Amino acid sequence: MVREEALDWFESALVDLDEARKAHLRGSHHLAVFLAHQAVEKVLKAFMIAFRRIRPPKSHDLVELAALASIPLEPSEIEALSELSPYYT
C-alpha cells in the first residue's frame, strides 16, 4: 500500500501539470515552466516516499532529487532537468 503522503504529493503534481498546460495555452510561459518544475519536483518526492522509503530533502534541484531517488537518467534527461531547475525561483 502506498503511503498517503506519497499520494498527496502525486495528486498535487497532477494539478500543477494541468495548470502548467493551461498557462502554456494562455501564453503565460514563465508560469507554465514554474508549474512544470513544481510538478516534476512533486513526482520525484512522491517516488522517494513510495518506492525508496526515504524522506525527500527540502531541495528544489531536480537533478539532485532524481539522483537521491536513484532514478537512472539519460544524459538528455539530466540536461532537461538542469534546464528546468532554475524556474523554481
Protein backbone atom coordinates (compact mmCIF):
# COMPACT_ATOMS: atom_id res chain seq x y z
CA MET A 1 0.00 0.00 0.00
CA VAL A 2 1.31 3.45 -0.95
CA ARG A 3 1.66 5.93 1.86
CA GLU A 4 -0.91 8.72 1.96
CA GLU A 5 1.85 11.34 1.87
CA ALA A 6 3.14 9.98 -1.44
CA LEU A 7 -0.34 10.08 -2.94
CA ASP A 8 -0.77 13.67 -1.78
CA TRP A 9 2.48 14.68 -3.48
CA PHE A 10 1.47 12.84 -6.66
CA GLU A 11 -2.04 14.28 -6.82
CA SER A 12 -0.66 17.77 -6.26
CA ALA A 13 1.80 17.17 -9.11
CA LEU A 14 -1.07 16.29 -11.45
CA VAL A 15 -2.83 19.55 -10.56
CA ASP A 16 0.37 21.52 -11.22
CA LEU A 17 0.87 19.78 -14.55
CA ASP A 18 -2.69 20.57 -15.62
CA GLU A 19 -2.25 24.20 -14.60
CA ALA A 20 1.08 24.34 -16.47
CA ARG A 21 -0.65 23.18 -19.65
CA LYS A 22 -3.35 25.82 -19.24
CA ALA A 23 -0.77 28.54 -18.60
CA HIS A 24 1.13 27.47 -21.72
CA LEU A 25 -2.02 27.66 -23.85
CA ARG A 26 -2.69 31.18 -22.49
CA GLY A 27 0.81 32.22 -23.40
CA SER A 28 1.91 32.54 -19.76
CA HIS A 29 5.16 30.73 -20.41
CA HIS A 30 7.02 31.78 -17.25
CA LEU A 31 4.13 30.45 -15.16
CA ALA A 32 3.99 27.29 -17.28
CA VAL A 33 7.65 26.40 -16.66
CA PHE A 34 7.36 27.27 -12.96
CA LEU A 35 4.37 24.93 -12.62
CA ALA A 36 6.08 22.25 -14.72
CA HIS A 37 9.04 22.43 -12.34
CA GLN A 38 6.68 22.05 -9.39
CA ALA A 39 5.02 19.02 -10.99
CA VAL A 40 8.34 17.25 -11.62
CA GLU A 41 9.62 18.05 -8.13
CA LYS A 42 6.47 16.67 -6.51
CA VAL A 43 6.55 13.47 -8.57
CA LEU A 44 10.18 12.90 -7.61
CA LYS A 45 9.35 13.42 -3.94
CA ALA A 46 6.33 11.10 -4.19
CA PHE A 47 8.59 8.47 -5.77
CA MET A 48 11.13 8.79 -2.95
CA ILE A 49 8.44 8.28 -0.32
CA ALA A 50 6.55 5.49 -2.08
CA PHE A 51 9.33 3.43 -3.62
CA ARG A 52 12.59 4.36 -1.91
CA ARG A 53 11.02 4.77 1.54
CA ILE A 54 13.06 7.90 2.23
CA ARG A 55 12.04 11.38 3.31
CA PRO A 56 12.72 13.84 0.50
CA PRO A 57 15.06 16.72 1.26
CA LYS A 58 13.96 20.33 1.22
CA SER A 59 15.58 20.83 -2.15
CA HIS A 60 14.21 22.19 -5.39
CA ASP A 61 17.11 20.97 -7.54
CA LEU A 62 15.55 18.42 -9.86
CA VAL A 63 18.83 16.75 -10.81
CA GLU A 64 19.73 16.33 -7.14
CA LEU A 65 16.28 14.93 -6.34
CA ALA A 66 16.43 12.44 -9.21
CA ALA A 67 19.88 11.30 -8.06
CA LEU A 68 18.71 10.90 -4.45
CA ALA A 69 15.76 8.89 -5.73
CA SER A 70 18.23 6.64 -7.59
CA ILE A 71 16.42 7.14 -10.87
CA PRO A 72 18.68 6.27 -13.81
CA LEU A 73 18.58 9.08 -16.34
CA GLU A 74 19.84 9.50 -19.86
CA PRO A 75 22.14 12.50 -20.45
CA SER A 76 19.35 14.28 -22.33
CA GLU A 77 17.02 13.83 -19.34
CA ILE A 78 19.63 15.22 -16.96
CA GLU A 79 20.05 18.19 -19.29
CA ALA A 80 16.28 18.77 -19.36
CA LEU A 81 16.06 18.66 -15.56
CA SER A 82 19.04 21.03 -15.35
CA GLU A 83 17.29 23.48 -17.66
CA LEU A 84 14.01 23.28 -15.72
CA SER A 85 15.53 23.57 -12.22
CA PRO A 86 16.18 27.35 -12.26
CA TYR A 87 12.50 28.05 -12.95
CA TYR A 88 11.61 27.33 -9.36
CA THR A 89 12.60 30.90 -8.47
